[in-house]
Amino acid sequence: MFVLNGAYFGIWASRIPAMSDALRLSHETLGLALLFLAAGAVCSFPITGRLVDRFGAYGITLVVGVLYALSLILLGMAGGFAFLCFALFLFGACHGSMDVAMNAWGAEVDRDYKKAAMSSFHAMWSLGAGLGALSGFAAVQAQMSVLVHFLVAAVIVAVLTLAVARIGWASQRSDLSRGKVFAFPTGVLVLVGLTAFCGAMGEGAVADWSAIYLRDSIGAAESVSTLGYAVFSVAMVAVRFVGGWVIGALGPVLAARLGGAFATAGALAVVVGSTPSTALAGLGLMGVGYAVVMPLAFTRAANDPHVPQGQGIASVATLGYGGLLIGPPVIGFLAHLASLRLALAVLVPLAIVIVLLAGALRPRAQ
């Protein structure tokens, strides 16, 4: 299910330039459209957290996985700005719901295995995102329309992943008397959420703007520009596959601080460099840096001693994936006011904040 979620997001991200050109969207208008994607996700977080606590993460994850496939196909049908905004809202809602549900399921497995498995699950998300982005490269080379690409990819990914994911897992259910309908982090989870926000904003900016940045600001060919997110995702998945070992050896705090340092260096390379190779190298460093941030944040949230699992994850997701989804439209508005290069420069101080707030990821006793 992590592969499914990542793949659909990577598929969408890889065809943003094509959709932007087809609908003749400026950076500002594209940023406004992306705001609807963010709105859909943020609206879905508290609702899905509540559903997960009541019905269990396993079943909710499978149901949302099917709806997510349908939303990708609908997105490919967008022929105007209004329909695009509507489709992005639904796509964002499915994406956000999947994030909450699958991370809750992953946290259950993490606890059952009694080792840091969450990083490996997020590695599969990154693998899916990379494969999704590469499918965009193949679709451009084959001169495939966005709708045909989304339709074929949605069906293939859904069939392969949903068939494997049906394992009959017995998900836990929580006491809803302690939960709140709208989940917003409190106490130390605020700092956990802010750490996740900084990492997720970088991930979102790379997903939605790296292709356009490489093409318009760096001057890369369109086929090369589609590789930006793929490079980022490959670097991220490589680190996440060994993330459990890294976290076990260094501890969550030091692992997060090193991640923030790598992300800072990568963001600097992207905004200072002037060649496609330099920008791609910077995107790779950013992938290395952001790799452990979200797994650590969700693990910490799922094991908070004061709130139910679904509510804890939903609360951190409100800030964390709020950054993933709100970040891109913010970048778009800043690009309209200045330039896309300067807009992406905001990722540098945000990466530094990860270093400063990493202490919040230290586990608390139950």
Foldseek 3Di string as FASTA:
>chain_A
DLLLLLLLLLLVLLCLVVVCVQQVHALLLVLVLLVLLLVLLLVQLLVLLQVCQAPNLLVQLLVLSVQLLVLLLQCLVDNYSVSNSVSSSSNSNSSNSNQLSVLLVVLVVCVVVVFLCLLLSNLSNLVSSLVNLVLSLVCVVVVHRSNVSSNVSSVVSSVVPSVVSPPPDDGHHHDCVLPDSNFADDDLLVLLLLLLLLLLLLLLCQSNPQLVCCCPVQNDDNSLSSCLSNLLSVLLSVCSNCVRVVCVVPNQLVLQLVLLVLLLQLLCQLLVDRHSVSNSVSSSSNSNSSNCSVSLSLSQQQPDPRHHRSSSNSNSCSRNVSSSRSSSSQLSVVCVVPRSSVSSSVSNVSSNSSNVSSVSSHHDDD
